Amino acid sequence: TARGPPPVVERADALARIGVDEKAA
């Protein structure tokens, strides 16, 4: 269905990810 990793895994990835701007800050 997701044509990739399970949606709940991608959602966890989005919640935990520290973005580029956040890393710089």
PDBML (XML) file of the C-alpha atoms, coordinates in Angstrom:
<?xml version="1.0" encoding="UTF-8" ?>
<PDBx:datablock datablockName="MODEL"
   xmlns:PDBx="http://pdbml.pdb.org/schema/pdbx-v50.xsd"
   xmlns:xsi="http://www.w3.org/2001/XMLSchema-instance"
   xsi:schemaLocation="http://pdbml.pdb.org/schema/pdbx-v50.xsd pdbx-v50.xsd">
   <PDBx:atom_siteCategory>
      <PDBx:atom_site id="1">
         <PDBx:B_iso_or_equiv>0.00</PDBx:B_iso_or_equiv>
         <PDBx:Cartn_x>0.000</PDBx:Cartn_x>
         <PDBx:Cartn_y>0.000</PDBx:Cartn_y>
         <PDBx:Cartn_z>0.000</PDBx:Cartn_z>
         <PDBx:auth_asym_id>A</PDBx:auth_asym_id>
         <PDBx:auth_atom_id>CA</PDBx:auth_atom_id>
         <PDBx:auth_comp_id>THR</PDBx:auth_comp_id>
         <PDBx:auth_seq_id>1</PDBx:auth_seq_id>
         <PDBx:group_PDB>ATOM</PDBx:group_PDB>
         <PDBx:label_alt_id xsi:nil="true" />
         <PDBx:label_asym_id>A</PDBx:label_asym_id>
         <PDBx:label_atom_id>CA</PDBx:label_atom_id>
         <PDBx:label_comp_id>THR</PDBx:label_comp_id>
         <PDBx:label_entity_id>1</PDBx:label_entity_id>
         <PDBx:label_seq_id>1</PDBx:label_seq_id>
         <PDBx:occupancy>1.00</PDBx:occupancy>
         <PDBx:pdbx_PDB_model_num>1</PDBx:pdbx_PDB_model_num>
         <PDBx:type_symbol>C</PDBx:type_symbol>
      </PDBx:atom_site>
      <PDBx:atom_site id="2">
         <PDBx:B_iso_or_equiv>0.00</PDBx:B_iso_or_equiv>
         <PDBx:Cartn_x>2.824</PDBx:Cartn_x>
         <PDBx:Cartn_y>2.435</PDBx:Cartn_y>
         <PDBx:Cartn_z>0.827</PDBx:Cartn_z>
         <PDBx:auth_asym_id>A</PDBx:auth_asym_id>
         <PDBx:auth_atom_id>CA</PDBx:auth_atom_id>
         <PDBx:auth_comp_id>ALA</PDBx:auth_comp_id>
         <PDBx:auth_seq_id>2</PDBx:auth_seq_id>
         <PDBx:group_PDB>ATOM</PDBx:group_PDB>
         <PDBx:label_alt_id xsi:nil="true" />
         <PDBx:label_asym_id>A</PDBx:label_asym_id>
         <PDBx:label_atom_id>CA</PDBx:label_atom_id>
         <PDBx:label_comp_id>ALA</PDBx:label_comp_id>
         <PDBx:label_entity_id>1</PDBx:label_entity_id>
         <PDBx:label_seq_id>2</PDBx:label_seq_id>
         <PDBx:occupancy>1.00</PDBx:occupancy>
         <PDBx:pdbx_PDB_model_num>1</PDBx:pdbx_PDB_model_num>
         <PDBx:type_symbol>C</PDBx:type_symbol>
      </PDBx:atom_site>
      <PDBx:atom_site id="3">
         <PDBx:B_iso_or_equiv>0.00</PDBx:B_iso_or_equiv>
         <PDBx:Cartn_x>5.137</PDBx:Cartn_x>
         <PDBx:Cartn_y>1.480</PDBx:Cartn_y>
         <PDBx:Cartn_z>-2.055</PDBx:Cartn_z>
         <PDBx:auth_asym_id>A</PDBx:auth_asym_id>
         <PDBx:auth_atom_id>CA</PDBx:auth_atom_id>
         <PDBx:auth_comp_id>ARG</PDBx:auth_comp_id>
         <PDBx:auth_seq_id>3</PDBx:auth_seq_id>
         <PDBx:group_PDB>ATOM</PDBx:group_PDB>
         <PDBx:label_alt_id xsi:nil="true" />
         <PDBx:label_asym_id>A</PDBx:label_asym_id>
         <PDBx:label_atom_id>CA</PDBx:label_atom_id>
         <PDBx:label_comp_id>ARG</PDBx:label_comp_id>
         <PDBx:label_entity_id>1</PDBx:label_entity_id>
         <PDBx:label_seq_id>3</PDBx:label_seq_id>
         <PDBx:occupancy>1.00</PDBx:occupancy>
         <PDBx:pdbx_PDB_model_num>1</PDBx:pdbx_PDB_model_num>
         <PDBx:type_symbol>C</PDBx:type_symbol>
      </PDBx:atom_site>
      <PDBx:atom_site id="4">
         <PDBx:B_iso_or_equiv>0.00</PDBx:B_iso_or_equiv>
         <PDBx:Cartn_x>7.857</PDBx:Cartn_x>
         <PDBx:Cartn_y>1.493</PDBx:Cartn_y>
         <PDBx:Cartn_z>0.573</PDBx:Cartn_z>
         <PDBx:auth_asym_id>A</PDBx:auth_asym_id>
         <PDBx:auth_atom_id>CA</PDBx:auth_atom_id>
         <PDBx:auth_comp_id>GLY</PDBx:auth_comp_id>
         <PDBx:auth_seq_id>4</PDBx:auth_seq_id>
         <PDBx:group_PDB>ATOM</PDBx:group_PDB>
         <PDBx:label_alt_id xsi:nil="true" />
         <PDBx:label_asym_id>A</PDBx:label_asym_id>
         <PDBx:label_atom_id>CA</PDBx:label_atom_id>
         <PDBx:label_comp_id>GLY</PDBx:label_comp_id>
         <PDBx:label_entity_id>1</PDBx:label_entity_id>
         <PDBx:label_seq_id>4</PDBx:label_seq_id>
         <PDBx:occupancy>1.00</PDBx:occupancy>
         <PDBx:pdbx_PDB_model_num>1</PDBx:pdbx_PDB_model_num>
         <PDBx:type_symbol>C</PDBx:type_symbol>
      </PDBx:atom_site>
      <PDBx:atom_site id="5">
         <PDBx:B_iso_or_equiv>0.00</PDBx:B_iso_or_equiv>
         <PDBx:Cartn_x>8.257</PDBx:Cartn_x>
         <PDBx:Cartn_y>1.153</PDBx:Cartn_y>
         <PDBx:Cartn_z>4.352</PDBx:Cartn_z>
         <PDBx:auth_asym_id>A</PDBx:auth_asym_id>
         <PDBx:auth_atom_id>CA</PDBx:auth_atom_id>
         <PDBx:auth_comp_id>PRO</PDBx:auth_comp_id>
         <PDBx:auth_seq_id>5</PDBx:auth_seq_id>
         <PDBx:group_PDB>ATOM</PDBx:group_PDB>
         <PDBx:label_alt_id xsi:nil="true" />
         <PDBx:label_asym_id>A</PDBx:label_asym_id>
         <PDBx:label_atom_id>CA</PDBx:label_atom_id>
         <PDBx:label_comp_id>PRO</PDBx:label_comp_id>
         <PDBx:label_entity_id>1</PDBx:label_entity_id>
         <PDBx:label_seq_id>5</PDBx:label_seq_id>
         <PDBx:occupancy>1.00</PDBx:occupancy>
         <PDBx:pdbx_PDB_model_num>1</PDBx:pdbx_PDB_model_num>
         <PDBx:type_symbol>C</PDBx:type_symbol>
      </PDBx:atom_site>
      <PDBx:atom_site id="6">
         <PDBx:B_iso_or_equiv>0.00</PDBx:B_iso_or_equiv>
         <PDBx:Cartn_x>5.109</PDBx:Cartn_x>
         <PDBx:Cartn_y>0.716</PDBx:Cartn_y>
         <PDBx:Cartn_z>6.472</PDBx:Cartn_z>
         <PDBx:auth_asym_id>A</PDBx:auth_asym_id>
         <PDBx:auth_atom_id>CA</PDBx:auth_atom_id>
         <PDBx:auth_comp_id>PRO</PDBx:auth_comp_id>
         <PDBx:auth_seq_id>6</PDBx:auth_seq_id>
         <PDBx:group_PDB>ATOM</PDBx:group_PDB>
         <PDBx:label_alt_id xsi:nil="true" />
         <PDBx:label_asym_id>A</PDBx:label_asym_id>
         <PDBx:label_atom_id>CA</PDBx:label_atom_id>
         <PDBx:label_comp_id>PRO</PDBx:label_comp_id>
         <PDBx:label_entity_id>1</PDBx:label_entity_id>
         <PDBx:label_seq_id>6</PDBx:label_seq_id>
         <PDBx:occupancy>1.00</PDBx:occupancy>
         <PDBx:pdbx_PDB_model_num>1</PDBx:pdbx_PDB_model_num>
         <PDBx:type_symbol>C</PDBx:type_symbol>
      </PDBx:atom_site>
      <PDBx:atom_site id="7">
         <PDBx:B_iso_or_equiv>0.00</PDBx:B_iso_or_equiv>
         <PDBx:Cartn_x>3.260</PDBx:Cartn_x>
         <PDBx:Cartn_y>4.020</PDBx:Cartn_y>
         <PDBx:Cartn_z>7.014</PDBx:Cartn_z>
         <PDBx:auth_asym_id>A</PDBx:auth_asym_id>
         <PDBx:auth_atom_id>CA</PDBx:auth_atom_id>
         <PDBx:auth_comp_id>PRO</PDBx:auth_comp_id>
         <PDBx:auth_seq_id>7</PDBx:auth_seq_id>
         <PDBx:group_PDB>ATOM</PDBx:group_PDB>
         <PDBx:label_alt_id xsi:nil="true" />
         <PDBx:label_asym_id>A</PDBx:label_asym_id>
         <PDBx:label_atom_id>CA</PDBx:label_atom_id>
         <PDBx:label_comp_id>PRO</PDBx:label_comp_id>
         <PDBx:label_entity_id>1</PDBx:label_entity_id>
         <PDBx:label_seq_id>7</PDBx:label_seq_id>
         <PDBx:occupancy>1.00</PDBx:occupancy>
         <PDBx:pdbx_PDB_model_num>1</PDBx:pdbx_PDB_model_num>
         <PDBx:type_symbol>C</PDBx:type_symbol>
      </PDBx:atom_site>
      <PDBx:atom_site id="8">
         <PDBx:B_iso_or_equiv>0.00</PDBx:B_iso_or_equiv>
         <PDBx:Cartn_x>3.581</PDBx:Cartn_x>
         <PDBx:Cartn_y>3.792</PDBx:Cartn_y>
         <PDBx:Cartn_z>10.797</PDBx:Cartn_z>
         <PDBx:auth_asym_id>A</PDBx:auth_asym_id>
         <PDBx:auth_atom_id>CA</PDBx:auth_atom_id>
         <PDBx:auth_comp_id>VAL</PDBx:auth_comp_id>
         <PDBx:auth_seq_id>8</PDBx:auth_seq_id>
         <PDBx:group_PDB>ATOM</PDBx:group_PDB>
         <PDBx:label_alt_id xsi:nil="true" />
         <PDBx:label_asym_id>A</PDBx:label_asym_id>
         <PDBx:label_atom_id>CA</PDBx:label_atom_id>
         <PDBx:label_comp_id>VAL</PDBx:label_comp_id>
         <PDBx:label_entity_id>1</PDBx:label_entity_id>
         <PDBx:label_seq_id>8</PDBx:label_seq_id>
         <PDBx:occupancy>1.00</PDBx:occupancy>
         <PDBx:pdbx_PDB_model_num>1</PDBx:pdbx_PDB_model_num>
         <PDBx:type_symbol>C</PDBx:type_symbol>
      </PDBx:atom_site>
      <PDBx:atom_site id="9">
         <PDBx:B_iso_or_equiv>0.00</PDBx:B_iso_or_equiv>
         <PDBx:Cartn_x>7.374</PDBx:Cartn_x>
         <PDBx:Cartn_y>3.474</PDBx:Cartn_y>
         <PDBx:Cartn_z>10.449</PDBx:Cartn_z>
         <PDBx:auth_asym_id>A</PDBx:auth_asym_id>
         <PDBx:auth_atom_id>CA</PDBx:auth_atom_id>
         <PDBx:auth_comp_id>VAL</PDBx:auth_comp_id>
         <PDBx:auth_seq_id>9</PDBx:auth_seq_id>
         <PDBx:group_PDB>ATOM</PDBx:group_PDB>
         <PDBx:label_alt_id xsi:nil="true" />
         <PDBx:label_asym_id>A</PDBx:label_asym_id>
         <PDBx:label_atom_id>CA</PDBx:label_atom_id>
         <PDBx:label_comp_id>VAL</PDBx:label_comp_id>
         <PDBx:label_entity_id>1</PDBx:label_entity_id>
         <PDBx:label_seq_id>9</PDBx:label_seq_id>
         <PDBx:occupancy>1.00</PDBx:occupancy>
         <PDBx:pdbx_PDB_model_num>1</PDBx:pdbx_PDB_model_num>
         <PDBx:type_symbol>C</PDBx:type_symbol>
      </PDBx:atom_site>
      <PDBx:atom_site id="10">
         <PDBx:B_iso_or_equiv>0.00</PDBx:B_iso_or_equiv>
         <PDBx:Cartn_x>7.485</PDBx:Cartn_x>
         <PDBx:Cartn_y>6.531</PDBx:Cartn_y>
         <PDBx:Cartn_z>8.193</PDBx:Cartn_z>
         <PDBx:auth_asym_id>A</PDBx:auth_asym_id>
         <PDBx:auth_atom_id>CA</PDBx:auth_atom_id>
         <PDBx:auth_comp_id>GLU</PDBx:auth_comp_id>
         <PDBx:auth_seq_id>10</PDBx:auth_seq_id>
         <PDBx:group_PDB>ATOM</PDBx:group_PDB>
         <PDBx:label_alt_id xsi:nil="true" />
         <PDBx:label_asym_id>A</PDBx:label_asym_id>
         <PDBx:label_atom_id>CA</PDBx:label_atom_id>
         <PDBx:label_comp_id>GLU</PDBx:label_comp_id>
         <PDBx:label_entity_id>1</PDBx:label_entity_id>
         <PDBx:label_seq_id>10</PDBx:label_seq_id>
         <PDBx:occupancy>1.00</PDBx:occupancy>
         <PDBx:pdbx_PDB_model_num>1</PDBx:pdbx_PDB_model_num>
         <PDBx:type_symbol>C</PDBx:type_symbol>
      </PDBx:atom_site>
      <PDBx:atom_site id="11">
         <PDBx:B_iso_or_equiv>0.00</PDBx:B_iso_or_equiv>
         <PDBx:Cartn_x>5.301</PDBx:Cartn_x>
         <PDBx:Cartn_y>8.420</PDBx:Cartn_y>
         <PDBx:Cartn_z>10.673</PDBx:Cartn_z>
         <PDBx:auth_asym_id>A</PDBx:auth_asym_id>
         <PDBx:auth_atom_id>CA</PDBx:auth_atom_id>
         <PDBx:auth_comp_id>ARG</PDBx:auth_comp_id>
         <PDBx:auth_seq_id>11</PDBx:auth_seq_id>
         <PDBx:group_PDB>ATOM</PDBx:group_PDB>
         <PDBx:label_alt_id xsi:nil="true" />
         <PDBx:label_asym_id>A</PDBx:label_asym_id>
         <PDBx:label_atom_id>CA</PDBx:label_atom_id>
         <PDBx:label_comp_id>ARG</PDBx:label_comp_id>
         <PDBx:label_entity_id>1</PDBx:label_entity_id>
         <PDBx:label_seq_id>11</PDBx:label_seq_id>
         <PDBx:occupancy>1.00</PDBx:occupancy>
         <PDBx:pdbx_PDB_model_num>1</PDBx:pdbx_PDB_model_num>
         <PDBx:type_symbol>C</PDBx:type_symbol>
      </PDBx:atom_site>
      <PDBx:atom_site id="12">
         <PDBx:B_iso_or_equiv>0.00</PDBx:B_iso_or_equiv>
         <PDBx:Cartn_x>7.685</PDBx:Cartn_x>
         <PDBx:Cartn_y>7.573</PDBx:Cartn_y>
         <PDBx:Cartn_z>13.522</PDBx:Cartn_z>
         <PDBx:auth_asym_id>A</PDBx:auth_asym_id>
         <PDBx:auth_atom_id>CA</PDBx:auth_atom_id>
         <PDBx:auth_comp_id>ALA</PDBx:auth_comp_id>
         <PDBx:auth_seq_id>12</PDBx:auth_seq_id>
         <PDBx:group_PDB>ATOM</PDBx:group_PDB>
         <PDBx:label_alt_id xsi:nil="true" />
         <PDBx:label_asym_id>A</PDBx:label_asym_id>
         <PDBx:label_atom_id>CA</PDBx:label_atom_id>
         <PDBx:label_comp_id>ALA</PDBx:label_comp_id>
         <PDBx:label_entity_id>1</PDBx:label_entity_id>
         <PDBx:label_seq_id>12</PDBx:label_seq_id>
         <PDBx:occupancy>1.00</PDBx:occupancy>
         <PDBx:pdbx_PDB_model_num>1</PDBx:pdbx_PDB_model_num>
         <PDBx:type_symbol>C</PDBx:type_symbol>
      </PDBx:atom_site>
      <PDBx:atom_site id="13">
         <PDBx:B_iso_or_equiv>0.00</PDBx:B_iso_or_equiv>
         <PDBx:Cartn_x>10.576</PDBx:Cartn_x>
         <PDBx:Cartn_y>8.675</PDBx:Cartn_y>
         <PDBx:Cartn_z>11.321</PDBx:Cartn_z>
         <PDBx:auth_asym_id>A</PDBx:auth_asym_id>
         <PDBx:auth_atom_id>CA</PDBx:auth_atom_id>
         <PDBx:auth_comp_id>ASP</PDBx:auth_comp_id>
         <PDBx:auth_seq_id>13</PDBx:auth_seq_id>
         <PDBx:group_PDB>ATOM</PDBx:group_PDB>
         <PDBx:label_alt_id xsi:nil="true" />
         <PDBx:label_asym_id>A</PDBx:label_asym_id>
         <PDBx:label_atom_id>CA</PDBx:label_atom_id>
         <PDBx:label_comp_id>ASP</PDBx:label_comp_id>
         <PDBx:label_entity_id>1</PDBx:label_entity_id>
         <PDBx:label_seq_id>13</PDBx:label_seq_id>
         <PDBx:occupancy>1.00</PDBx:occupancy>
         <PDBx:pdbx_PDB_model_num>1</PDBx:pdbx_PDB_model_num>
         <PDBx:type_symbol>C</PDBx:type_symbol>
      </PDBx:atom_site>
      <PDBx:atom_site id="14">
         <PDBx:B_iso_or_equiv>0.00</PDBx:B_iso_or_equiv>
         <PDBx:Cartn_x>8.875</PDBx:Cartn_x>
         <PDBx:Cartn_y>12.032</PDBx:Cartn_y>
         <PDBx:Cartn_z>10.726</PDBx:Cartn_z>
         <PDBx:auth_asym_id>A</PDBx:auth_asym_id>
         <PDBx:auth_atom_id>CA</PDBx:auth_atom_id>
         <PDBx:auth_comp_id>ALA</PDBx:auth_comp_id>
         <PDBx:auth_seq_id>14</PDBx:auth_seq_id>
         <PDBx:group_PDB>ATOM</PDBx:group_PDB>
         <PDBx:label_alt_id xsi:nil="true" />
         <PDBx:label_asym_id>A</PDBx:label_asym_id>
         <PDBx:label_atom_id>CA</PDBx:label_atom_id>
         <PDBx:label_comp_id>ALA</PDBx:label_comp_id>
         <PDBx:label_entity_id>1</PDBx:label_entity_id>
         <PDBx:label_seq_id>14</PDBx:label_seq_id>
         <PDBx:occupancy>1.00</PDBx:occupancy>
         <PDBx:pdbx_PDB_model_num>1</PDBx:pdbx_PDB_model_num>
         <PDBx:type_symbol>C</PDBx:type_symbol>
      </PDBx:atom_site>
      <PDBx:atom_site id="15">
         <PDBx:B_iso_or_equiv>0.00</PDBx:B_iso_or_equiv>
         <PDBx:Cartn_x>8.197</PDBx:Cartn_x>
         <PDBx:Cartn_y>12.520</PDBx:Cartn_y>
         <PDBx:Cartn_z>14.447</PDBx:Cartn_z>
         <PDBx:auth_asym_id>A</PDBx:auth_asym_id>
         <PDBx:auth_atom_id>CA</PDBx:auth_atom_id>
         <PDBx:auth_comp_id>LEU</PDBx:auth_comp_id>
         <PDBx:auth_seq_id>15</PDBx:auth_seq_id>
         <PDBx:group_PDB>ATOM</PDBx:group_PDB>
         <PDBx:label_alt_id xsi:nil="true" />
         <PDBx:label_asym_id>A</PDBx:label_asym_id>
         <PDBx:label_atom_id>CA</PDBx:label_atom_id>
         <PDBx:label_comp_id>LEU</PDBx:label_comp_id>
         <PDBx:label_entity_id>1</PDBx:label_entity_id>
         <PDBx:label_seq_id>15</PDBx:label_seq_id>
         <PDBx:occupancy>1.00</PDBx:occupancy>
         <PDBx:pdbx_PDB_model_num>1</PDBx:pdbx_PDB_model_num>
         <PDBx:type_symbol>C</PDBx:type_symbol>
      </PDBx:atom_site>
      <PDBx:atom_site id="16">
         <PDBx:B_iso_or_equiv>0.00</PDBx:B_iso_or_equiv>
         <PDBx:Cartn_x>11.743</PDBx:Cartn_x>
         <PDBx:Cartn_y>11.653</PDBx:Cartn_y>
         <PDBx:Cartn_z>15.532</PDBx:Cartn_z>
         <PDBx:auth_asym_id>A</PDBx:auth_asym_id>
         <PDBx:auth_atom_id>CA</PDBx:auth_atom_id>
         <PDBx:auth_comp_id>ALA</PDBx:auth_comp_id>
         <PDBx:auth_seq_id>16</PDBx:auth_seq_id>
         <PDBx:group_PDB>ATOM</PDBx:group_PDB>
         <PDBx:label_alt_id xsi:nil="true" />
         <PDBx:label_asym_id>A</PDBx:label_asym_id>
         <PDBx:label_atom_id>CA</PDBx:label_atom_id>
         <PDBx:label_comp_id>ALA</PDBx:label_comp_id>
         <PDBx:label_entity_id>1</PDBx:label_entity_id>
         <PDBx:label_seq_id>16</PDBx:label_seq_id>
         <PDBx:occupancy>1.00</PDBx:occupancy>
         <PDBx:pdbx_PDB_model_num>1</PDBx:pdbx_PDB_model_num>
         <PDBx:type_symbol>C</PDBx:type_symbol>
      </PDBx:atom_site>
      <PDBx:atom_site id="17">
         <PDBx:B_iso_or_equiv>0.00</PDBx:B_iso_or_equiv>
         <PDBx:Cartn_x>13.645</PDBx:Cartn_x>
         <PDBx:Cartn_y>13.351</PDBx:Cartn_y>
         <PDBx:Cartn_z>12.713</PDBx:Cartn_z>
         <PDBx:auth_asym_id>A</PDBx:auth_asym_id>
         <PDBx:auth_atom_id>CA</PDBx:auth_atom_id>
         <PDBx:auth_comp_id>ARG</PDBx:auth_comp_id>
         <PDBx:auth_seq_id>17</PDBx:auth_seq_id>
         <PDBx:group_PDB>ATOM</PDBx:group_PDB>
         <PDBx:label_alt_id xsi:nil="true" />
         <PDBx:label_asym_id>A</PDBx:label_asym_id>
         <PDBx:label_atom_id>CA</PDBx:label_atom_id>
         <PDBx:label_comp_id>ARG</PDBx:label_comp_id>
         <PDBx:label_entity_id>1</PDBx:label_entity_id>
         <PDBx:label_seq_id>17</PDBx:label_seq_id>
         <PDBx:occupancy>1.00</PDBx:occupancy>
         <PDBx:pdbx_PDB_model_num>1</PDBx:pdbx_PDB_model_num>
         <PDBx:type_symbol>C</PDBx:type_symbol>
      </PDBx:atom_site>
      <PDBx:atom_site id="18">
         <PDBx:B_iso_or_equiv>0.00</PDBx:B_iso_or_equiv>
         <PDBx:Cartn_x>15.720</PDBx:Cartn_x>
         <PDBx:Cartn_y>16.403</PDBx:Cartn_y>
         <PDBx:Cartn_z>13.662</PDBx:Cartn_z>
         <PDBx:auth_asym_id>A</PDBx:auth_asym_id>
         <PDBx:auth_atom_id>CA</PDBx:auth_atom_id>
         <PDBx:auth_comp_id>ILE</PDBx:auth_comp_id>
         <PDBx:auth_seq_id>18</PDBx:auth_seq_id>
         <PDBx:group_PDB>ATOM</PDBx:group_PDB>
         <PDBx:label_alt_id xsi:nil="true" />
         <PDBx:label_asym_id>A</PDBx:label_asym_id>
         <PDBx:label_atom_id>CA</PDBx:label_atom_id>
         <PDBx:label_comp_id>ILE</PDBx:label_comp_id>
         <PDBx:label_entity_id>1</PDBx:label_entity_id>
         <PDBx:label_seq_id>18</PDBx:label_seq_id>
         <PDBx:occupancy>1.00</PDBx:occupancy>
         <PDBx:pdbx_PDB_model_num>1</PDBx:pdbx_PDB_model_num>
         <PDBx:type_symbol>C</PDBx:type_symbol>
      </PDBx:atom_site>
      <PDBx:atom_site id="19">
         <PDBx:B_iso_or_equiv>0.00</PDBx:B_iso_or_equiv>
         <PDBx:Cartn_x>15.604</PDBx:Cartn_x>
         <PDBx:Cartn_y>18.665</PDBx:Cartn_y>
         <PDBx:Cartn_z>10.618</PDBx:Cartn_z>
         <PDBx:auth_asym_id>A</PDBx:auth_asym_id>
         <PDBx:auth_atom_id>CA</PDBx:auth_atom_id>
         <PDBx:auth_comp_id>GLY</PDBx:auth_comp_id>
         <PDBx:auth_seq_id>19</PDBx:auth_seq_id>
         <PDBx:group_PDB>ATOM</PDBx:group_PDB>
         <PDBx:label_alt_id xsi:nil="true" />
         <PDBx:label_asym_id>A</PDBx:label_asym_id>
         <PDBx:label_atom_id>CA</PDBx:label_atom_id>
         <PDBx:label_comp_id>GLY</PDBx:label_comp_id>
         <PDBx:label_entity_id>1</PDBx:label_entity_id>
         <PDBx:label_seq_id>19</PDBx:label_seq_id>
         <PDBx:occupancy>1.00</PDBx:occupancy>
         <PDBx:pdbx_PDB_model_num>1</PDBx:pdbx_PDB_model_num>
         <PDBx:type_symbol>C</PDBx:type_symbol>
      </PDBx:atom_site>
      <PDBx:atom_site id="20">
         <PDBx:B_iso_or_equiv>0.00</PDBx:B_iso_or_equiv>
         <PDBx:Cartn_x>18.504</PDBx:Cartn_x>
         <PDBx:Cartn_y>20.545</PDBx:Cartn_y>
         <PDBx:Cartn_z>9.065</PDBx:Cartn_z>
         <PDBx:auth_asym_id>A</PDBx:auth_asym_id>
         <PDBx:auth_atom_id>CA</PDBx:auth_atom_id>
         <PDBx:auth_comp_id>VAL</PDBx:auth_comp_id>
         <PDBx:auth_seq_id>20</PDBx:auth_seq_id>
         <PDBx:group_PDB>ATOM</PDBx:group_PDB>
         <PDBx:label_alt_id xsi:nil="true" />
         <PDBx:label_asym_id>A</PDBx:label_asym_id>
         <PDBx:label_atom_id>CA</PDBx:label_atom_id>
         <PDBx:label_comp_id>VAL</PDBx:label_comp_id>
         <PDBx:label_entity_id>1</PDBx:label_entity_id>
         <PDBx:label_seq_id>20</PDBx:label_seq_id>
         <PDBx:occupancy>1.00</PDBx:occupancy>
         <PDBx:pdbx_PDB_model_num>1</PDBx:pdbx_PDB_model_num>
         <PDBx:type_symbol>C</PDBx:type_symbol>
      </PDBx:atom_site>
      <PDBx:atom_site id="21">
         <PDBx:B_iso_or_equiv>0.00</PDBx:B_iso_or_equiv>
         <PDBx:Cartn_x>17.452</PDBx:Cartn_x>
         <PDBx:Cartn_y>23.897</PDBx:Cartn_y>
         <PDBx:Cartn_z>10.506</PDBx:Cartn_z>
         <PDBx:auth_asym_id>A</PDBx:auth_asym_id>
         <PDBx:auth_atom_id>CA</PDBx:auth_atom_id>
         <PDBx:auth_comp_id>ASP</PDBx:auth_comp_id>
         <PDBx:auth_seq_id>21</PDBx:auth_seq_id>
         <PDBx:group_PDB>ATOM</PDBx:group_PDB>
         <PDBx:label_alt_id xsi:nil="true" />
         <PDBx:label_asym_id>A</PDBx:label_asym_id>
         <PDBx:label_atom_id>CA</PDBx:label_atom_id>
         <PDBx:label_comp_id>ASP</PDBx:label_comp_id>
         <PDBx:label_entity_id>1</PDBx:label_entity_id>
         <PDBx:label_seq_id>21</PDBx:label_seq_id>
         <PDBx:occupancy>1.00</PDBx:occupancy>
         <PDBx:pdbx_PDB_model_num>1</PDBx:pdbx_PDB_model_num>
         <PDBx:type_symbol>C</PDBx:type_symbol>
      </PDBx:atom_site>
      <PDBx:atom_site id="22">
         <PDBx:B_iso_or_equiv>0.00</PDBx:B_iso_or_equiv>
         <PDBx:Cartn_x>16.866</PDBx:Cartn_x>
         <PDBx:Cartn_y>22.332</PDBx:Cartn_y>
         <PDBx:Cartn_z>13.933</PDBx:Cartn_z>
         <PDBx:auth_asym_id>A</PDBx:auth_asym_id>
         <PDBx:auth_atom_id>CA</PDBx:auth_atom_id>
         <PDBx:auth_comp_id>GLU</PDBx:auth_comp_id>
         <PDBx:auth_seq_id>22</PDBx:auth_seq_id>
         <PDBx:group_PDB>ATOM</PDBx:group_PDB>
         <PDBx:label_alt_id xsi:nil="true" />
         <PDBx:label_asym_id>A</PDBx:label_asym_id>
         <PDBx:label_atom_id>CA</PDBx:label_atom_id>
         <PDBx:label_comp_id>GLU</PDBx:label_comp_id>
         <PDBx:label_entity_id>1</PDBx:label_entity_id>
         <PDBx:label_seq_id>22</PDBx:label_seq_id>
         <PDBx:occupancy>1.00</PDBx:occupancy>
         <PDBx:pdbx_PDB_model_num>1</PDBx:pdbx_PDB_model_num>
         <PDBx:type_symbol>C</PDBx:type_symbol>
      </PDBx:atom_site>
      <PDBx:atom_site id="23">
         <PDBx:B_iso_or_equiv>0.00</PDBx:B_iso_or_equiv>
         <PDBx:Cartn_x>20.317</PDBx:Cartn_x>
         <PDBx:Cartn_y>20.727</PDBx:Cartn_y>
         <PDBx:Cartn_z>13.885</PDBx:Cartn_z>
         <PDBx:auth_asym_id>A</PDBx:auth_asym_id>
         <PDBx:auth_atom_id>CA</PDBx:auth_atom_id>
         <PDBx:auth_comp_id>LYS</PDBx:auth_comp_id>
         <PDBx:auth_seq_id>23</PDBx:auth_seq_id>
         <PDBx:group_PDB>ATOM</PDBx:group_PDB>
         <PDBx:label_alt_id xsi:nil="true" />
         <PDBx:label_asym_id>A</PDBx:label_asym_id>
         <PDBx:label_atom_id>CA</PDBx:label_atom_id>
         <PDBx:label_comp_id>LYS</PDBx:label_comp_id>
         <PDBx:label_entity_id>1</PDBx:label_entity_id>
         <PDBx:label_seq_id>23</PDBx:label_seq_id>
         <PDBx:occupancy>1.00</PDBx:occupancy>
         <PDBx:pdbx_PDB_model_num>1</PDBx:pdbx_PDB_model_num>
         <PDBx:type_symbol>C</PDBx:type_symbol>
      </PDBx:atom_site>
      <PDBx:atom_site id="24">
         <PDBx:B_iso_or_equiv>0.00</PDBx:B_iso_or_equiv>
         <PDBx:Cartn_x>21.944</PDBx:Cartn_x>
         <PDBx:Cartn_y>24.060</PDBx:Cartn_y>
         <PDBx:Cartn_z>13.075</PDBx:Cartn_z>
         <PDBx:auth_asym_id>A</PDBx:auth_asym_id>
         <PDBx:auth_atom_id>CA</PDBx:auth_atom_id>
         <PDBx:auth_comp_id>ALA</PDBx:auth_comp_id>
         <PDBx:auth_seq_id>24</PDBx:auth_seq_id>
         <PDBx:group_PDB>ATOM</PDBx:group_PDB>
         <PDBx:label_alt_id xsi:nil="true" />
         <PDBx:label_asym_id>A</PDBx:label_asym_id>
         <PDBx:label_atom_id>CA</PDBx:label_atom_id>
         <PDBx:label_comp_id>ALA</PDBx:label_comp_id>
         <PDBx:label_entity_id>1</PDBx:label_entity_id>
         <PDBx:label_seq_id>24</PDBx:label_seq_id>
         <PDBx:occupancy>1.00</PDBx:occupancy>
         <PDBx:pdbx_PDB_model_num>1</PDBx:pdbx_PDB_model_num>
         <PDBx:type_symbol>C</PDBx:type_symbol>
      </PDBx:atom_site>
      <PDBx:atom_site id="25">
         <PDBx:B_iso_or_equiv>0.00</PDBx:B_iso_or_equiv>
         <PDBx:Cartn_x>19.960</PDBx:Cartn_x>
         <PDBx:Cartn_y>25.803</PDBx:Cartn_y>
         <PDBx:Cartn_z>15.821</PDBx:Cartn_z>
         <PDBx:auth_asym_id>A</PDBx:auth_asym_id>
         <PDBx:auth_atom_id>CA</PDBx:auth_atom_id>
         <PDBx:auth_comp_id>ALA</PDBx:auth_comp_id>
         <PDBx:auth_seq_id>25</PDBx:auth_seq_id>
         <PDBx:group_PDB>ATOM</PDBx:group_PDB>
         <PDBx:label_alt_id xsi:nil="true" />
         <PDBx:label_asym_id>A</PDBx:label_asym_id>
         <PDBx:label_atom_id>CA</PDBx:label_atom_id>
         <PDBx:label_comp_id>ALA</PDBx:label_comp_id>
         <PDBx:label_entity_id>1</PDBx:label_entity_id>
         <PDBx:label_seq_id>25</PDBx:label_seq_id>
         <PDBx:occupancy>1.00</PDBx:occupancy>
         <PDBx:pdbx_PDB_model_num>1</PDBx:pdbx_PDB_model_num>
         <PDBx:type_symbol>C</PDBx:type_symbol>
      </PDBx:atom_site>
   </PDBx:atom_siteCategory>
</PDBx:datablock>
